[in-house]
């Protein structure tokens, strides 16, 4: 010991010991510590595997789940005011089930989650403590067997809607439940109509204004025998034709055909929306609700006319 190295010496009660020299760990102790670390990793992996199905798939998903759970409890308690901004209404419309079923499903999923959390946390605490205090390899082997047995992945059974039984299927919902289901079907119809119209929606801002202007020029070209009338600025249609290697007449017909198809889709889907909105308002039983929900899912547009026929009649629509 010197003045330069006295800081690293420790008195253990009997003699001074150079603390800078680590004590050699016996091989059996090192192996025990290594196996404990490996067993803890296995424990954590098993816990994570069982909890992973309950992790939200999106950022801030916990807040959304909390809101859904509150709405679900309100529905089951008969204290829920239907509104189209409801998480529960949207979820039921997307899943194609009743609001009551979605509420029961959300509450059941929450119950399952809490059960898994409680069970896995209990096992984690007890087994983690047992691993830390184990003194022999035999104890670790026994603990490993417990981990594999106690934390075996469970099979989640699908939750079936309870209104599919004949008794409830023909039953009439309460006024509050009927209002919820009608709103849910209206949301489902809205999403279906939007799905049918989506192929005709441009991703460019104000593209509908450009298309309308292009259509006016196209009509003038058709009326003028396929040429641009004097004094009319047709640069938009000329650019359209040049980019596609078309004549001005062919470009005019193509633009008017596209406008005709879009107008026809809008008219067809508007008629569907009106007709099915009336049917939604007239539902009386859970069977009516189920049948209508499945029918909305299958809605399709009438088959389009041939391209030649559309091009021939393109000038008839604006």
Protein backbone atom coordinates (compact mmCIF):
# COMPACT_ATOMS: atom_id res chain seq x y z
CA UNK A 1 0.00 0.00 0.00
CA UNK A 2 1.32 3.46 -0.94
CA UNK A 3 -0.04 6.98 -0.91
CA UNK A 4 -0.77 6.61 -4.62
CA UNK A 5 -2.85 3.43 -4.35
CA UNK A 6 -4.27 3.58 -0.85
CA UNK A 7 -7.71 4.56 -2.24
CA UNK A 8 -8.25 1.05 -3.63
CA UNK A 9 -7.54 -0.81 -0.39
CA UNK A 10 -10.41 -1.94 1.84
CA UNK A 11 -10.41 -3.29 5.40
CA UNK A 12 -12.61 -6.39 5.63
CA UNK A 13 -12.45 -6.63 9.42
CA UNK A 14 -9.35 -8.75 9.54
CA UNK A 15 -6.94 -7.42 6.96
CA UNK A 16 -6.53 -4.84 4.22
CA UNK A 17 -7.55 -6.13 0.79
CA UNK A 18 -6.63 -4.71 -2.59
CA UNK A 19 -10.08 -3.97 -4.06
CA UNK A 20 -8.72 -3.40 -7.56
CA UNK A 21 -8.14 -7.10 -7.93
CA UNK A 22 -11.52 -8.77 -8.57
CA UNK A 23 -12.08 -12.01 -6.81
CA UNK A 24 -12.20 -15.02 -9.06
CA UNK A 25 -15.73 -16.37 -9.31
CA UNK A 26 -15.92 -20.16 -8.99
CA UNK A 27 -16.96 -21.88 -12.20
CA UNK A 28 -20.10 -23.39 -10.70
CA UNK A 29 -21.19 -19.95 -9.43
CA UNK A 30 -20.56 -18.34 -12.82
CA UNK A 31 -22.58 -21.08 -14.52
CA UNK A 32 -25.44 -20.62 -12.05
CA UNK A 33 -25.51 -16.86 -12.67
CA UNK A 34 -25.43 -17.38 -16.44
CA UNK A 35 -28.32 -19.85 -16.28
CA UNK A 36 -30.30 -17.48 -14.06
CA UNK A 37 -29.88 -14.69 -16.63
CA UNK A 38 -30.97 -17.03 -19.43
CA UNK A 39 -33.97 -18.16 -17.43
CA UNK A 40 -35.02 -14.56 -16.75
CA UNK A 41 -34.82 -13.82 -20.47
CA UNK A 42 -37.01 -16.86 -21.18
CA UNK A 43 -39.50 -15.70 -18.54
CA UNK A 44 -39.71 -12.22 -20.07
CA UNK A 45 -40.08 -13.61 -23.59
CA UNK A 46 -42.95 -15.85 -22.48
CA UNK A 47 -44.66 -12.94 -20.71
CA UNK A 48 -44.26 -10.72 -23.78
CA UNK A 49 -45.65 -13.44 -26.07
CA UNK A 50 -48.81 -13.79 -23.99
CA UNK A 51 -49.32 -10.04 -23.71
CA UNK A 52 -48.51 -9.13 -27.32
CA UNK A 53 -52.01 -9.86 -28.72
CA UNK A 54 -53.39 -7.19 -26.37
CA UNK A 55 -50.97 -4.44 -27.42
CA UNK A 56 -52.63 -1.64 -29.49
CA UNK A 57 -51.59 -1.76 -33.13
CA UNK A 58 -51.45 2.03 -33.50
CA UNK A 59 -49.92 5.00 -31.69
CA UNK A 60 -52.19 6.29 -28.89
CA UNK A 61 -54.29 3.16 -29.26
CA UNK A 62 -54.68 2.99 -25.48
CA UNK A 63 -56.65 6.25 -25.48
CA UNK A 64 -58.93 4.98 -28.25
CA UNK A 65 -59.51 1.74 -26.35
CA UNK A 66 -60.41 3.68 -23.24
CA UNK A 67 -62.97 5.73 -25.17
CA UNK A 68 -64.43 2.59 -26.77
CA UNK A 69 -64.67 0.88 -23.39
CA UNK A 70 -66.51 3.85 -21.87
CA UNK A 71 -68.99 3.85 -24.75
CA UNK A 72 -69.40 0.06 -24.48
CA UNK A 73 -70.25 0.28 -20.78
CA UNK A 74 -72.74 3.05 -21.56
CA UNK A 75 -74.41 0.93 -24.24
CA UNK A 76 -74.72 -2.10 -21.97
CA UNK A 77 -76.06 0.11 -19.18
CA UNK A 78 -78.67 1.61 -21.51
CA UNK A 79 -77.19 5.09 -21.13
CA UNK A 80 -75.67 5.68 -24.57
CA UNK A 81 -76.67 8.47 -26.93
CA UNK A 82 -76.10 7.42 -30.54
CA UNK A 83 -74.01 9.80 -32.65
CA UNK A 84 -72.12 9.31 -35.89
CA UNK A 85 -68.84 10.46 -34.27
CA UNK A 86 -68.92 7.52 -31.87
CA UNK A 87 -66.01 5.08 -31.88
CA UNK A 88 -68.45 2.28 -31.15
CA UNK A 89 -70.81 3.09 -34.02
CA UNK A 90 -67.91 3.22 -36.48
CA UNK A 91 -66.41 -0.01 -35.12
CA UNK A 92 -69.73 -1.85 -35.40
CA UNK A 93 -70.25 -0.56 -38.94
CA UNK A 94 -66.77 -1.70 -39.97
CA UNK A 95 -67.21 -5.13 -38.37
CA UNK A 96 -70.73 -5.61 -39.69
CA UNK A 97 -72.23 -6.40 -36.28
CA UNK A 98 -74.77 -4.69 -34.05
CA UNK A 99 -73.76 -1.96 -31.62
CA UNK A 100 -74.79 -4.19 -28.72
CA UNK A 101 -72.57 -7.00 -30.00
CA UNK A 102 -69.63 -4.65 -30.46
CA UNK A 103 -70.09 -3.32 -26.93
CA UNK A 104 -70.11 -6.86 -25.53
CA UNK A 105 -67.05 -7.73 -27.62
CA UNK A 106 -65.08 -4.71 -26.39
CA UNK A 107 -65.96 -5.38 -22.74
CA UNK A 108 -65.05 -9.06 -23.15
CA UNK A 109 -61.73 -8.19 -24.79
CA UNK A 110 -60.97 -5.79 -21.94
CA UNK A 111 -61.83 -8.48 -19.40
CA UNK A 112 -59.60 -10.96 -21.20
CA UNK A 113 -56.78 -8.43 -21.27
CA UNK A 114 -57.04 -7.70 -17.56
CA UNK A 115 -57.12 -11.42 -16.78
CA UNK A 116 -53.99 -12.07 -18.83
CA UNK A 117 -52.19 -9.09 -17.30
CA UNK A 118 -53.02 -10.19 -13.76
CA UNK A 119 -52.09 -13.82 -14.34
CA UNK A 120 -48.83 -13.10 -16.15
CA UNK A 121 -47.77 -10.45 -13.64
CA UNK A 122 -48.41 -12.83 -10.75
CA UNK A 123 -46.36 -15.56 -12.42
CA UNK A 124 -43.64 -13.08 -13.35
CA UNK A 125 -43.22 -11.84 -9.77
CA UNK A 126 -43.20 -15.29 -8.17
CA UNK A 127 -40.96 -16.97 -10.74
CA UNK A 128 -38.65 -13.96 -10.95
CA UNK A 129 -38.14 -14.06 -7.19
CA UNK A 130 -37.63 -17.83 -7.24
CA UNK A 131 -34.99 -17.52 -9.98
CA UNK A 132 -33.13 -14.82 -8.06
CA UNK A 133 -32.96 -16.91 -4.87
CA UNK A 134 -32.17 -20.27 -6.52
CA UNK A 135 -28.92 -21.81 -5.36
CA UNK A 136 -28.67 -25.00 -7.44
CA UNK A 137 -28.96 -26.05 -11.07
CA UNK A 138 -31.73 -28.48 -10.12
CA UNK A 139 -33.85 -25.58 -8.86
CA UNK A 140 -33.35 -23.73 -12.15
CA UNK A 141 -34.36 -26.80 -14.16
CA UNK A 142 -37.55 -27.08 -12.11
CA UNK A 143 -38.25 -23.38 -12.57
CA UNK A 144 -37.77 -23.69 -16.32
CA UNK A 145 -40.36 -26.46 -16.42
CA UNK A 146 -42.75 -24.23 -14.48
CA UNK A 147 -42.22 -21.39 -16.94
CA UNK A 148 -42.96 -23.64 -19.91
CA UNK A 149 -46.06 -25.06 -18.21
CA UNK A 150 -47.51 -21.95 -16.53
CA UNK A 151 -46.91 -19.61 -19.47
CA UNK A 152 -48.06 -21.77 -22.36
CA UNK A 153 -49.77 -19.65 -25.05
CA UNK A 154 -53.54 -19.90 -24.84
CA UNK A 155 -55.91 -20.12 -27.78
CA UNK A 156 -58.33 -17.20 -27.98
CA UNK A 157 -61.76 -18.30 -29.11
CA UNK A 158 -63.66 -16.07 -31.48
CA UNK A 159 -66.50 -14.06 -29.98
CA UNK A 160 -69.74 -14.86 -31.77
CA UNK A 161 -72.58 -12.34 -31.89
CA UNK A 162 -75.30 -13.46 -29.53
CA UNK A 163 -78.16 -12.11 -31.64
CA UNK A 164 -77.90 -14.90 -34.23
CA UNK A 165 -80.14 -17.23 -32.23
CA UNK A 166 -83.67 -17.60 -33.66
CA UNK A 167 -85.21 -16.16 -30.49
CA UNK A 168 -83.32 -12.89 -30.57
CA UNK A 169 -82.99 -12.74 -34.33
CA UNK A 170 -86.73 -12.18 -34.67
CA UNK A 171 -87.03 -10.01 -31.58
CA UNK A 172 -87.72 -6.31 -31.85
CA UNK A 173 -85.00 -4.02 -30.49
CA UNK A 174 -85.84 -1.31 -28.00
CA UNK A 175 -86.28 2.21 -29.31
CA UNK A 176 -82.79 3.14 -28.11
CA UNK A 177 -81.20 0.02 -29.63
CA UNK A 178 -83.08 0.61 -32.89
CA UNK A 179 -81.74 4.16 -33.08
CA UNK A 180 -78.20 2.89 -32.52
CA UNK A 181 -78.54 0.21 -35.20
CA UNK A 182 -80.05 2.59 -37.73
CA UNK A 183 -77.16 4.98 -37.20
CA UNK A 184 -74.70 2.11 -37.50
CA UNK A 185 -76.30 0.98 -40.79
CA UNK A 186 -76.23 4.59 -42.04
CA UNK A 187 -72.49 4.76 -41.35
CA UNK A 188 -72.02 1.42 -43.10
CA UNK A 189 -74.00 2.70 -46.10
CA UNK A 190 -71.96 5.92 -46.17
CA UNK A 191 -68.69 3.97 -46.25
CA UNK A 192 -70.01 1.69 -49.00
CA UNK A 193 -71.15 4.61 -51.15
CA UNK A 194 -67.77 6.28 -50.63
CA UNK A 195 -66.06 3.04 -51.65
CA UNK A 196 -68.04 2.93 -54.90
CA UNK A 197 -67.28 6.58 -55.65
CA UNK A 198 -63.61 6.50 -54.64
CA UNK A 199 -62.22 5.38 -58.05
CA UNK A 200 -63.58 8.61 -59.54
CA UNK A 201 -62.01 10.90 -56.93
CA UNK A 202 -58.80 12.63 -58.00
CA UNK A 203 -55.85 13.00 -55.68
CA UNK A 204 -55.11 16.47 -57.09
CA UNK A 205 -56.61 19.59 -55.53
CA UNK A 206 -59.28 21.35 -57.61
CA UNK A 207 -59.01 18.64 -60.28
CA UNK A 208 -62.79 18.69 -60.65
CA UNK A 209 -62.58 22.35 -61.71
CA UNK A 210 -59.92 21.51 -64.29
CA UNK A 211 -61.96 18.58 -65.61
CA UNK A 212 -65.06 20.76 -65.95
CA UNK A 213 -63.08 23.35 -67.93
CA UNK A 214 -61.54 20.61 -70.06
CA UNK A 215 -65.01 19.19 -70.70
CA UNK A 216 -66.31 22.56 -71.95
CA UNK A 217 -63.45 22.73 -74.43
CA UNK A 218 -64.06 19.10 -75.47
CA UNK A 219 -67.73 19.85 -76.20
CA UNK A 220 -66.73 22.83 -78.30
CA UNK A 221 -64.27 20.67 -80.26
CA UNK A 222 -66.95 18.02 -80.93
CA UNK A 223 -69.43 20.70 -82.00
CA UNK A 224 -66.78 22.16 -84.36
CA UNK A 225 -66.13 18.88 -86.15
CA UNK A 226 -63.08 17.83 -84.18
CA UNK A 227 -61.12 21.08 -84.44
CA UNK A 228 -60.58 23.89 -81.98
CA UNK A 229 -62.90 26.88 -82.61
CA UNK A 230 -61.17 30.15 -83.36
CA UNK A 231 -60.59 32.33 -80.33
CA UNK A 232 -60.97 29.46 -77.81
CA UNK A 233 -57.97 28.74 -75.60
CA UNK A 234 -57.75 24.95 -75.74
CA UNK A 235 -54.28 24.48 -74.30
CA UNK A 236 -55.58 22.14 -71.56
CA UNK A 237 -57.15 19.74 -74.08
CA UNK A 238 -54.20 20.09 -76.49
CA UNK A 239 -51.85 19.12 -73.64
CA UNK A 240 -54.09 16.15 -72.80
CA UNK A 241 -54.00 14.93 -76.42
CA UNK A 242 -50.24 15.47 -76.85
CA UNK A 243 -49.38 13.57 -73.66
CA UNK A 244 -51.33 10.53 -74.90
CA UNK A 245 -50.49 10.71 -78.58
CA UNK A 246 -54.12 11.36 -79.54
CA UNK A 247 -55.88 13.56 -81.99
CA UNK A 248 -57.79 16.47 -80.57
CA UNK A 249 -61.08 14.74 -81.44
CA UNK A 250 -60.07 11.51 -79.68
CA UNK A 251 -58.95 13.47 -76.62
CA UNK A 252 -62.27 15.34 -76.54
CA UNK A 253 -64.24 12.08 -76.69
CA UNK A 254 -62.07 10.54 -73.94
CA UNK A 255 -62.57 13.51 -71.62
CA UNK A 256 -66.33 13.55 -72.15
CA UNK A 257 -66.52 9.78 -71.67
CA UNK A 258 -64.68 10.09 -68.35
CA UNK A 259 -67.03 12.87 -67.28
CA UNK A 260 -70.02 10.80 -68.38
CA UNK A 261 -68.82 7.79 -66.35
CA UNK A 262 -68.26 9.95 -63.30
CA UNK A 263 -71.68 11.58 -63.60
CA UNK A 264 -73.35 8.18 -64.05
CA UNK A 265 -71.58 6.79 -60.97
CA UNK A 266 -72.63 9.78 -58.89
CA UNK A 267 -76.25 9.45 -60.03
CA UNK A 268 -76.31 5.67 -59.50
CA UNK A 269 -74.79 5.88 -56.02
CA UNK A 270 -77.09 8.76 -55.08
CA UNK A 271 -80.08 6.62 -56.02
CA UNK A 272 -78.65 3.74 -54.00
CA UNK A 273 -78.13 6.03 -51.02
CA UNK A 274 -81.69 7.34 -51.14
CA UNK A 275 -83.27 3.89 -51.58
CA UNK A 276 -81.25 2.20 -48.86
CA UNK A 277 -81.67 5.10 -46.45
CA UNK A 278 -85.41 4.50 -46.64
CA UNK A 279 -84.89 0.78 -45.98
CA UNK A 280 -82.69 1.59 -42.97
CA UNK A 281 -85.42 3.78 -41.54
CA UNK A 282 -87.96 0.95 -41.88
CA UNK A 283 -86.10 -1.88 -40.07
CA UNK A 284 -88.06 -3.42 -37.21
CA UNK A 285 -86.20 -6.52 -35.95
CA UNK A 286 -82.66 -7.78 -35.50
CA UNK A 287 -83.23 -10.02 -38.52
CA UNK A 288 -84.06 -6.96 -40.63
CA UNK A 289 -80.91 -5.30 -39.33
CA UNK A 290 -78.71 -8.32 -40.10
CA UNK A 291 -80.18 -8.82 -43.57
CA UNK A 292 -79.79 -5.16 -44.41
CA UNK A 293 -76.21 -5.02 -43.15
CA UNK A 294 -75.21 -7.98 -45.33
CA UNK A 295 -77.03 -6.52 -48.33
CA UNK A 296 -75.22 -3.17 -47.96
CA UNK A 297 -71.90 -5.02 -47.94
CA UNK A 298 -72.76 -6.60 -51.30
CA UNK A 299 -73.88 -3.37 -53.01
CA UNK A 300 -72.39 -2.85 -56.49
CA UNK A 301 -72.78 -0.40 -59.32
CA UNK A 302 -74.73 -1.41 -62.44
CA UNK A 303 -72.42 -2.84 -65.14
CA UNK A 304 -70.92 -0.05 -67.28
CA UNK A 305 -71.79 0.40 -70.93
CA UNK A 306 -69.23 -0.56 -73.55
CA UNK A 307 -66.45 1.91 -74.25
CA UNK A 308 -67.67 2.43 -77.80
CA UNK A 309 -71.19 3.23 -76.68
CA UNK A 310 -69.89 5.58 -73.99
CA UNK A 311 -67.71 7.40 -76.49
CA UNK A 312 -70.62 7.70 -78.95
CA UNK A 313 -72.87 9.25 -76.29
CA UNK A 314 -70.17 11.22 -74.49
CA UNK A 315 -71.32 14.54 -75.85
CA UNK A 316 -74.78 14.11 -74.33
CA UNK A 317 -73.57 14.80 -70.74
CA UNK A 318 -71.80 17.72 -69.15
